[in-house]
Amino acid sequence: MPDVRLPDPEDARMRILVIDDHAVVREGLKRMLEASEPSWAIEEASNGFEALERVRNQPFDVAVADISMPGMGGLDFLKRVRASQLNLRVLMLSMYAEEQYAMRAFKSGANGYVTKDSAARELVSAIRKVTAGGAYVSESLAQNLALGLAGTNAEASHERLSDRELDILQRLATGSRPTDIAQALHLSVKTVSTHKARILARLQLPNSAALVRYAMENRLIPEGAAPAQAEFGASDWQGLGGSDHADAEAGE
């Protein structure tokens, strides 16, 4: 059992750690929270490794973590927090509005899930709810999430992917090259290529064009993001029988 440090009962301030790899996002969230609740103490971390070190050595009430970050992402951070048995509420902040991402977060131990486009409206309420012992999910996701947790929906092929594989699938589907993904996630290009091969095999897809099409059909591309259609020839999109143009250009 780790030495869990609880918040000082003499300090009535809510202590919140905002975790995101983009400084402008952290600053925007911090200003929004401070404007809504001036009594809250807001601190920042730029990645999951830094955040884990902070919460292991300082008392925080809530962590608001971006689900997708270089190195240790939000889900990895969440799993390590739960494995360490830390007394910490974790809200996942994500660009993904689809229920499969929220379901993964809750199954990993999240207390709430808020999309970035709704954060301005919902984040303060979400923090209040989880600190009161409840769970939070946006209304737009609640019904689909409940159906998924109840097992009324058949399991899709991508639900068997690991968290890392799902992240790489999404990045590939929005046009990122293996070299771009490797740099963003602090992985080798060879590791990314291995993940890609496993994704194609597990989803039984013939090439990258089929992967993009699968992501579009299963709503795995964030709202507002453009699919990687421009990288594929017409034959790839008509019956998916053409050459894997994207892989050829990437040198894989």
C-alpha atoms as a PDB file:
ATOM      1  CA  MET A   1       0.000   0.000   0.000  1.00  0.00           C
ATOM      2  CA  PRO A   2       1.578   3.305  -1.046  1.00  0.00           C
ATOM      3  CA  ASP A   3       1.796   6.259   1.300  1.00  0.00           C
ATOM      4  CA  VAL A   4      -1.275   8.169   0.114  1.00  0.00           C
ATOM      5  CA  ARG A   5      -1.203  11.851   0.993  1.00  0.00           C
ATOM      6  CA  LEU A   6      -4.660  13.294   1.397  1.00  0.00           C
ATOM      7  CA  PRO A   7      -5.484  17.004   1.056  1.00  0.00           C
ATOM      8  CA  ASP A   8      -4.903  19.017   4.239  1.00  0.00           C
ATOM      9  CA  PRO A   9      -8.322  19.382   5.942  1.00  0.00           C
ATOM     10  CA  GLU A  10      -7.308  22.879   6.984  1.00  0.00           C
ATOM     11  CA  ASP A  11      -7.014  23.898   3.333  1.00  0.00           C
ATOM     12  CA  ALA A  12     -10.549  24.333   1.993  1.00  0.00           C
ATOM     13  CA  ARG A  13      -9.388  25.035  -1.548  1.00  0.00           C
ATOM     14  CA  MET A  14     -10.061  22.489  -4.252  1.00  0.00           C
ATOM     15  CA  ARG A  15      -6.754  21.439  -5.812  1.00  0.00           C
ATOM     16  CA  ILE A  16      -6.969  20.578  -9.496  1.00  0.00           C
ATOM     17  CA  LEU A  17      -4.226  19.391 -11.838  1.00  0.00           C
ATOM     18  CA  VAL A  18      -4.752  20.167 -15.537  1.00  0.00           C
ATOM     19  CA  ILE A  19      -2.778  17.803 -17.784  1.00  0.00           C
ATOM     20  CA  ASP A  20      -2.338  18.572 -21.490  1.00  0.00           C
ATOM     21  CA  ASP A  21       0.660  18.683 -23.808  1.00  0.00           C
ATOM     22  CA  HIS A  22      -0.461  21.981 -25.346  1.00  0.00           C
ATOM     23  CA  ALA A  23       0.377  25.036 -23.236  1.00  0.00           C
ATOM     24  CA  VAL A  24      -2.396  27.110 -24.818  1.00  0.00           C
ATOM     25  CA  VAL A  25      -4.982  24.491 -23.848  1.00  0.00           C
ATOM     26  CA  ARG A  26      -3.710  24.312 -20.266  1.00  0.00           C
ATOM     27  CA  GLU A  27      -3.735  28.075 -19.954  1.00  0.00           C
ATOM     28  CA  GLY A  28      -7.237  28.344 -21.408  1.00  0.00           C
ATOM     29  CA  LEU A  29      -8.630  25.718 -19.048  1.00  0.00           C
ATOM     30  CA  LYS A  30      -6.858  27.277 -16.077  1.00  0.00           C
ATOM     31  CA  ARG A  31      -8.277  30.725 -16.800  1.00  0.00           C
ATOM     32  CA  MET A  32     -11.760  29.319 -17.312  1.00  0.00           C
ATOM     33  CA  LEU A  33     -11.720  27.383 -14.040  1.00  0.00           C
ATOM     34  CA  GLU A  34     -10.238  30.253 -12.046  1.00  0.00           C
ATOM     35  CA  ALA A  35     -12.868  32.630 -13.444  1.00  0.00           C
ATOM     36  CA  SER A  36     -15.664  30.236 -12.484  1.00  0.00           C
ATOM     37  CA  GLU A  37     -14.299  29.265  -9.070  1.00  0.00           C
ATOM     38  CA  PRO A  38     -11.651  31.708  -7.770  1.00  0.00           C
ATOM     39  CA  SER A  39     -11.168  29.582  -4.646  1.00  0.00           C
ATOM     40  CA  TRP A  40      -9.882  26.607  -6.663  1.00  0.00           C
ATOM     41  CA  ALA A  41      -6.114  26.122  -6.855  1.00  0.00           C
ATOM     42  CA  ILE A  42      -5.227  25.137 -10.427  1.00  0.00           C
ATOM     43  CA  GLU A  43      -1.861  23.644 -11.343  1.00  0.00           C
ATOM     44  CA  GLU A  44      -0.533  22.278 -14.618  1.00  0.00           C
ATOM     45  CA  ALA A  45       1.398  19.329 -16.030  1.00  0.00           C
ATOM     46  CA  SER A  46       2.461  18.935 -19.661  1.00  0.00           C
ATOM     47  CA  ASN A  47       2.437  15.121 -19.885  1.00  0.00           C
ATOM     48  CA  GLY A  48       1.437  11.961 -18.086  1.00  0.00           C
ATOM     49  CA  PHE A  49       4.887  11.282 -16.605  1.00  0.00           C
ATOM     50  CA  GLU A  50       5.089  14.726 -15.025  1.00  0.00           C
ATOM     51  CA  ALA A  51       1.505  14.453 -13.805  1.00  0.00           C
ATOM     52  CA  LEU A  52       2.073  11.049 -12.204  1.00  0.00           C
ATOM     53  CA  GLU A  53       5.081  12.367 -10.323  1.00  0.00           C
ATOM     54  CA  ARG A  54       3.047  15.346  -9.107  1.00  0.00           C
ATOM     55  CA  VAL A  55       0.050  13.382  -7.848  1.00  0.00           C
ATOM     56  CA  ARG A  56       2.272  10.845  -6.094  1.00  0.00           C
ATOM     57  CA  ASN A  57       3.985  13.590  -4.107  1.00  0.00           C
ATOM     58  CA  GLN A  58       1.329  16.285  -3.713  1.00  0.00           C
ATOM     59  CA  PRO A  59      -2.340  16.124  -2.694  1.00  0.00           C
ATOM     60  CA  PHE A  60      -4.820  16.877  -5.475  1.00  0.00           C
ATOM     61  CA  ASP A  61      -8.586  16.471  -5.477  1.00  0.00           C
ATOM     62  CA  VAL A  62      -9.097  16.172  -9.240  1.00  0.00           C
ATOM     63  CA  ALA A  63      -6.930  15.608 -12.307  1.00  0.00           C
ATOM     64  CA  VAL A  64      -8.254  16.748 -15.683  1.00  0.00           C
ATOM     65  CA  ALA A  65      -6.255  14.748 -18.222  1.00  0.00           C
ATOM     66  CA  ASP A  66      -6.144  14.912 -22.014  1.00  0.00           C
ATOM     67  CA  ILE A  67      -6.768  11.411 -23.338  1.00  0.00           C
ATOM     68  CA  SER A  68      -4.148  11.692 -26.111  1.00  0.00           C
ATOM     69  CA  MET A  69      -0.670  12.995 -25.256  1.00  0.00           C
ATOM     70  CA  PRO A  70       2.887  12.129 -26.354  1.00  0.00           C
ATOM     71  CA  GLY A  71       4.618   9.475 -24.290  1.00  0.00           C
ATOM     72  CA  MET A  72       2.205   8.607 -21.499  1.00  0.00           C
ATOM     73  CA  GLY A  73      -1.320   9.481 -22.614  1.00  0.00           C
ATOM     74  CA  GLY A  74      -4.310  10.136 -20.403  1.00  0.00           C
ATOM     75  CA  LEU A  75      -5.498   6.528 -20.286  1.00  0.00           C
ATOM     76  CA  ASP A  76      -2.035   5.277 -19.297  1.00  0.00           C
ATOM     77  CA  PHE A  77      -1.874   7.959 -16.598  1.00  0.00           C
ATOM     78  CA  LEU A  78      -5.316   6.921 -15.349  1.00  0.00           C
ATOM     79  CA  LYS A  79      -4.377   3.236 -15.154  1.00  0.00           C
ATOM     80  CA  ARG A  80      -1.218   4.002 -13.196  1.00  0.00           C
ATOM     81  CA  VAL A  81      -3.134   6.230 -10.789  1.00  0.00           C
ATOM     82  CA  ARG A  82      -5.600   3.425 -10.131  1.00  0.00           C
ATOM     83  CA  ALA A  83      -2.815   0.840  -9.794  1.00  0.00           C
ATOM     84  CA  SER A  84      -1.162   3.102  -7.206  1.00  0.00           C
ATOM     85  CA  GLN A  85      -4.446   3.340  -5.261  1.00  0.00           C
ATOM     86  CA  LEU A  86      -4.197   7.115  -5.112  1.00  0.00           C
ATOM     87  CA  ASN A  87      -7.164   8.992  -3.696  1.00  0.00           C
ATOM     88  CA  LEU A  88      -7.713  11.067  -6.828  1.00  0.00           C
ATOM     89  CA  ARG A  89     -10.696  11.807  -9.030  1.00  0.00           C
ATOM     90  CA  VAL A  90      -9.796  11.745 -12.729  1.00  0.00           C
ATOM     91  CA  LEU A  91     -11.746  13.505 -15.463  1.00  0.00           C
ATOM     92  CA  MET A  92     -10.783  12.606 -19.011  1.00  0.00           C
ATOM     93  CA  LEU A  93     -10.741  15.462 -21.505  1.00  0.00           C
ATOM     94  CA  SER A  94     -10.934  14.396 -25.121  1.00  0.00           C
ATOM     95  CA  MET A  95     -11.486  15.556 -28.674  1.00  0.00           C
ATOM     96  CA  TYR A  96     -13.364  12.301 -29.271  1.00  0.00           C
ATOM     97  CA  ALA A  97     -17.137  12.543 -28.916  1.00  0.00           C
ATOM     98  CA  GLU A  98     -17.747   8.870 -29.674  1.00  0.00           C
ATOM     99  CA  GLU A  99     -18.903   6.524 -26.930  1.00  0.00           C
ATOM    100  CA  GLN A 100     -16.192   3.914 -27.482  1.00  0.00           C
ATOM    101  CA  TYR A 101     -13.531   6.298 -26.172  1.00  0.00           C
ATOM    102  CA  ALA A 102     -15.623   7.232 -23.138  1.00  0.00           C
ATOM    103  CA  MET A 103     -16.326   3.581 -22.427  1.00  0.00           C
ATOM    104  CA  ARG A 104     -12.613   2.759 -22.461  1.00  0.00           C
ATOM    105  CA  ALA A 105     -12.000   5.615 -20.041  1.00  0.00           C
ATOM    106  CA  PHE A 106     -14.682   4.486 -17.587  1.00  0.00           C
ATOM    107  CA  LYS A 107     -13.551   0.863 -17.757  1.00  0.00           C
ATOM    108  CA  SER A 108     -10.055   2.080 -16.862  1.00  0.00           C
ATOM    109  CA  GLY A 109     -11.385   3.880 -13.790  1.00  0.00           C
ATOM    110  CA  ALA A 110     -12.247   7.405 -14.934  1.00  0.00           C
ATOM    111  CA  ASN A 111     -14.728   9.389 -12.867  1.00  0.00           C
ATOM    112  CA  GLY A 112     -15.884  11.492 -15.789  1.00  0.00           C
ATOM    113  CA  TYR A 113     -15.482  12.173 -19.492  1.00  0.00           C
ATOM    114  CA  VAL A 114     -15.788  15.612 -21.101  1.00  0.00           C
ATOM    115  CA  THR A 115     -15.169  16.473 -24.733  1.00  0.00           C
ATOM    116  CA  LYS A 116     -13.011  19.483 -25.478  1.00  0.00           C
ATOM    117  CA  ASP A 117     -15.715  21.206 -27.499  1.00  0.00           C
ATOM    118  CA  SER A 118     -18.064  21.062 -24.494  1.00  0.00           C
ATOM    119  CA  ALA A 119     -15.476  21.872 -21.807  1.00  0.00           C
ATOM    120  CA  ALA A 120     -16.449  25.542 -21.587  1.00  0.00           C
ATOM    121  CA  ARG A 121     -20.039  24.539 -20.762  1.00  0.00           C
ATOM    122  CA  GLU A 122     -19.532  21.376 -18.769  1.00  0.00           C
ATOM    123  CA  LEU A 123     -16.117  21.155 -17.099  1.00  0.00           C
ATOM    124  CA  VAL A 124     -16.959  23.087 -13.929  1.00  0.00           C
ATOM    125  CA  SER A 125     -20.139  21.035 -13.403  1.00  0.00           C
ATOM    126  CA  ALA A 126     -18.210  17.845 -14.112  1.00  0.00           C
ATOM    127  CA  ILE A 127     -15.576  18.678 -11.485  1.00  0.00           C
ATOM    128  CA  ARG A 128     -18.236  19.466  -8.905  1.00  0.00           C
ATOM    129  CA  LYS A 129     -20.052  16.219  -9.607  1.00  0.00           C
ATOM    130  CA  VAL A 130     -17.043  13.915  -9.410  1.00  0.00           C
ATOM    131  CA  THR A 131     -15.753  15.546  -6.223  1.00  0.00           C
ATOM    132  CA  ALA A 132     -19.179  14.924  -4.704  1.00  0.00           C
ATOM    133  CA  GLY A 133     -18.715  11.223  -5.419  1.00  0.00           C
ATOM    134  CA  GLY A 134     -20.611  10.992  -8.695  1.00  0.00           C
ATOM    135  CA  ALA A 135     -19.646  10.207 -12.268  1.00  0.00           C
ATOM    136  CA  TYR A 136     -19.976  12.602 -15.175  1.00  0.00           C
ATOM    137  CA  VAL A 137     -20.581  12.111 -18.854  1.00  0.00           C
ATOM    138  CA  SER A 138     -22.010  14.633 -21.290  1.00  0.00           C
ATOM    139  CA  GLU A 139     -25.682  14.260 -22.110  1.00  0.00           C
ATOM    140  CA  SER A 140     -24.925  13.686 -25.776  1.00  0.00           C
ATOM    141  CA  LEU A 141     -22.917  10.582 -24.909  1.00  0.00           C
ATOM    142  CA  ALA A 142     -24.931   9.236 -21.987  1.00  0.00           C
ATOM    143  CA  GLN A 143     -27.484   7.114 -23.866  1.00  0.00           C
ATOM    144  CA  ASN A 144     -25.006   5.466 -26.223  1.00  0.00           C
ATOM    145  CA  LEU A 145     -22.586   4.857 -23.372  1.00  0.00           C
ATOM    146  CA  ALA A 146     -25.318   3.240 -21.266  1.00  0.00           C
ATOM    147  CA  LEU A 147     -26.254   0.955 -24.145  1.00  0.00           C
ATOM    148  CA  GLY A 148     -22.661  -0.075 -24.597  1.00  0.00           C
ATOM    149  CA  LEU A 149     -22.129  -0.784 -20.896  1.00  0.00           C
ATOM    150  CA  ALA A 150     -25.330  -2.818 -20.843  1.00  0.00           C
ATOM    151  CA  GLY A 151     -23.956  -4.961 -23.641  1.00  0.00           C
ATOM    152  CA  THR A 152     -26.864  -4.279 -25.980  1.00  0.00           C
ATOM    153  CA  ASN A 153     -24.521  -3.361 -28.823  1.00  0.00           C
ATOM    154  CA  ALA A 154     -22.476  -6.032 -30.584  1.00  0.00           C
ATOM    155  CA  GLU A 155     -18.731  -5.608 -30.038  1.00  0.00           C
ATOM    156  CA  ALA A 156     -17.082  -3.886 -32.978  1.00  0.00           C
ATOM    157  CA  SER A 157     -13.739  -5.136 -34.252  1.00  0.00           C
ATOM    158  CA  HIS A 158     -11.896  -2.004 -33.128  1.00  0.00           C
ATOM    159  CA  GLU A 159     -13.041  -2.522 -29.541  1.00  0.00           C
ATOM    160  CA  ARG A 160     -10.541  -5.374 -29.370  1.00  0.00           C
ATOM    161  CA  LEU A 161      -7.663  -3.019 -30.167  1.00  0.00           C
ATOM    162  CA  SER A 162      -5.416  -1.808 -27.368  1.00  0.00           C
ATOM    163  CA  ASP A 163      -5.599   1.846 -26.315  1.00  0.00           C
ATOM    164  CA  ARG A 164      -2.341   2.532 -28.141  1.00  0.00           C
ATOM    165  CA  GLU A 165      -3.547   0.795 -31.309  1.00  0.00           C
ATOM    166  CA  LEU A 166      -6.796   2.760 -31.299  1.00  0.00           C
ATOM    167  CA  ASP A 167      -4.845   5.999 -30.931  1.00  0.00           C
ATOM    168  CA  ILE A 168      -2.572   5.100 -33.852  1.00  0.00           C
ATOM    169  CA  LEU A 169      -5.555   4.035 -35.966  1.00  0.00           C
ATOM    170  CA  GLN A 170      -7.153   7.442 -35.443  1.00  0.00           C
ATOM    171  CA  ARG A 171      -3.937   9.254 -36.309  1.00  0.00           C
ATOM    172  CA  LEU A 172      -3.426   7.208 -39.469  1.00  0.00           C
ATOM    173  CA  ALA A 173      -7.041   7.795 -40.483  1.00  0.00           C
ATOM    174  CA  THR A 174      -6.600  11.556 -40.248  1.00  0.00           C
ATOM    175  CA  GLY A 175      -3.497  11.567 -42.451  1.00  0.00           C
ATOM    176  CA  SER A 176      -0.550  11.280 -40.065  1.00  0.00           C
ATOM    177  CA  ARG A 177       2.458   9.417 -41.456  1.00  0.00           C
ATOM    178  CA  PRO A 178       4.218   6.771 -39.336  1.00  0.00           C
ATOM    179  CA  THR A 179       7.115   9.223 -38.910  1.00  0.00           C
ATOM    180  CA  ASP A 180       4.703  11.898 -37.620  1.00  0.00           C
ATOM    181  CA  ILE A 181       3.076   9.444 -35.218  1.00  0.00           C
ATOM    182  CA  ALA A 182       6.431   8.180 -33.967  1.00  0.00           C
ATOM    183  CA  GLN A 183       7.516  11.728 -33.161  1.00  0.00           C
ATOM    184  CA  ALA A 184       4.217  12.634 -31.495  1.00  0.00           C
ATOM    185  CA  LEU A 185       4.059   9.510 -29.315  1.00  0.00           C
ATOM    186  CA  HIS A 186       7.799   9.215 -28.636  1.00  0.00           C
ATOM    187  CA  LEU A 187       7.987   5.840 -30.382  1.00  0.00           C
ATOM    188  CA  SER A 188      10.253   4.457 -33.097  1.00  0.00           C
ATOM    189  CA  VAL A 189       8.953   4.361 -36.671  1.00  0.00           C
ATOM    190  CA  LYS A 190       9.423   0.591 -36.592  1.00  0.00           C
ATOM    191  CA  THR A 191       7.150   0.323 -33.538  1.00  0.00           C
ATOM    192  CA  VAL A 192       4.461   2.434 -35.221  1.00  0.00           C
ATOM    193  CA  SER A 193       4.695   0.306 -38.365  1.00  0.00           C
ATOM    194  CA  THR A 194       4.337  -2.846 -36.259  1.00  0.00           C
ATOM    195  CA  HIS A 195       1.249  -1.405 -34.587  1.00  0.00           C
ATOM    196  CA  LYS A 196      -0.179  -0.503 -37.982  1.00  0.00           C
ATOM    197  CA  ALA A 197       0.341  -4.034 -39.283  1.00  0.00           C
ATOM    198  CA  ARG A 198      -1.396  -5.453 -36.219  1.00  0.00           C
ATOM    199  CA  ILE A 199      -4.304  -3.029 -36.620  1.00  0.00           C
ATOM    200  CA  LEU A 200      -4.828  -4.034 -40.246  1.00  0.00           C
ATOM    201  CA  ALA A 201      -4.624  -7.714 -39.301  1.00  0.00           C
ATOM    202  CA  ARG A 202      -7.024  -7.457 -36.360  1.00  0.00           C
ATOM    203  CA  LEU A 203      -9.545  -5.454 -38.369  1.00  0.00           C
ATOM    204  CA  GLN A 204      -9.001  -7.707 -41.404  1.00  0.00           C
ATOM    205  CA  LEU A 205      -8.338  -4.744 -43.667  1.00  0.00           C
ATOM    206  CA  PRO A 206      -6.244  -4.949 -46.834  1.00  0.00           C
ATOM    207  CA  ASN A 207      -4.619  -1.519 -46.865  1.00  0.00           C
ATOM    208  CA  SER A 208      -4.532   2.033 -45.523  1.00  0.00           C
ATOM    209  CA  ALA A 209      -7.430   3.190 -47.671  1.00  0.00           C
ATOM    210  CA  ALA A 210      -9.609   0.488 -46.128  1.00  0.00           C
ATOM    211  CA  LEU A 211      -8.450   1.589 -42.683  1.00  0.00           C
ATOM    212  CA  VAL A 212      -9.540   5.180 -43.336  1.00  0.00           C
ATOM    213  CA  ARG A 213     -12.878   4.006 -44.662  1.00  0.00           C
ATOM    214  CA  TYR A 214     -13.379   1.798 -41.597  1.00  0.00           C
ATOM    215  CA  ALA A 215     -12.591   4.739 -39.305  1.00  0.00           C
ATOM    216  CA  MET A 216     -15.116   6.938 -41.098  1.00  0.00           C
ATOM    217  CA  GLU A 217     -17.851   4.290 -41.029  1.00  0.00           C
ATOM    218  CA  ASN A 218     -17.321   3.657 -37.311  1.00  0.00           C
ATOM    219  CA  ARG A 219     -17.065   7.338 -36.342  1.00  0.00           C
ATOM    220  CA  LEU A 220     -13.485   7.056 -35.118  1.00  0.00           C
ATOM    221  CA  ILE A 221     -12.430  10.380 -36.635  1.00  0.00           C
ATOM    222  CA  PRO A 222     -12.886  13.403 -34.335  1.00  0.00           C
ATOM    223  CA  GLU A 223     -15.535  15.927 -35.304  1.00  0.00           C
ATOM    224  CA  GLY A 224     -14.015  18.613 -37.482  1.00  0.00           C
ATOM    225  CA  ALA A 225     -11.020  16.490 -38.477  1.00  0.00           C
ATOM    226  CA  ALA A 226     -10.579  15.590 -42.132  1.00  0.00           C
ATOM    227  CA  PRO A 227     -10.045  11.943 -43.115  1.00  0.00           C
ATOM    228  CA  ALA A 228      -6.905  11.099 -45.065  1.00  0.00           C
ATOM    229  CA  GLN A 229      -8.802  10.740 -48.342  1.00  0.00           C
ATOM    230  CA  ALA A 230      -6.450  13.013 -50.226  1.00  0.00           C
ATOM    231  CA  GLU A 231      -3.622  10.509 -49.795  1.00  0.00           C
ATOM    232  CA  PHE A 232      -5.376   7.729 -51.732  1.00  0.00           C
ATOM    233  CA  GLY A 233      -6.108   7.195 -55.370  1.00  0.00           C
ATOM    234  CA  ALA A 234      -9.593   6.740 -56.796  1.00  0.00           C
ATOM    235  CA  SER A 235      -9.130   2.972 -57.117  1.00  0.00           C
ATOM    236  CA  ASP A 236      -8.491   2.719 -53.373  1.00  0.00           C
ATOM    237  CA  TRP A 237     -11.846   4.332 -52.627  1.00  0.00           C
ATOM    238  CA  GLN A 238     -13.809   2.370 -55.217  1.00  0.00           C
ATOM    239  CA  GLY A 239     -13.907  -1.194 -53.963  1.00  0.00           C
ATOM    240  CA  LEU A 240     -10.584  -0.840 -52.096  1.00  0.00           C
ATOM    241  CA  GLY A 241      -8.874  -2.941 -54.716  1.00  0.00           C
ATOM    242  CA  GLY A 242      -6.024  -0.655 -55.714  1.00  0.00           C
ATOM    243  CA  SER A 243      -2.449  -0.405 -54.520  1.00  0.00           C
ATOM    244  CA  ASP A 244      -1.696   0.855 -51.037  1.00  0.00           C
ATOM    245  CA  HIS A 245      -0.584   4.274 -52.157  1.00  0.00           C
ATOM    246  CA  ALA A 246      -0.096   5.676 -48.654  1.00  0.00           C
ATOM    247  CA  ASP A 247       2.126   2.800 -47.559  1.00  0.00           C
ATOM    248  CA  ALA A 248       4.204   3.062 -50.724  1.00  0.00           C
ATOM    249  CA  GLU A 249       4.817   6.763 -50.151  1.00  0.00           C
ATOM    250  CA  ALA A 250       5.690   6.136 -46.489  1.00  0.00           C
ATOM    251  CA  GLY A 251       8.272   3.569 -47.546  1.00  0.00           C
ATOM    252  CA  GLU A 252       6.706   0.701 -45.664  1.00  0.00           C
END
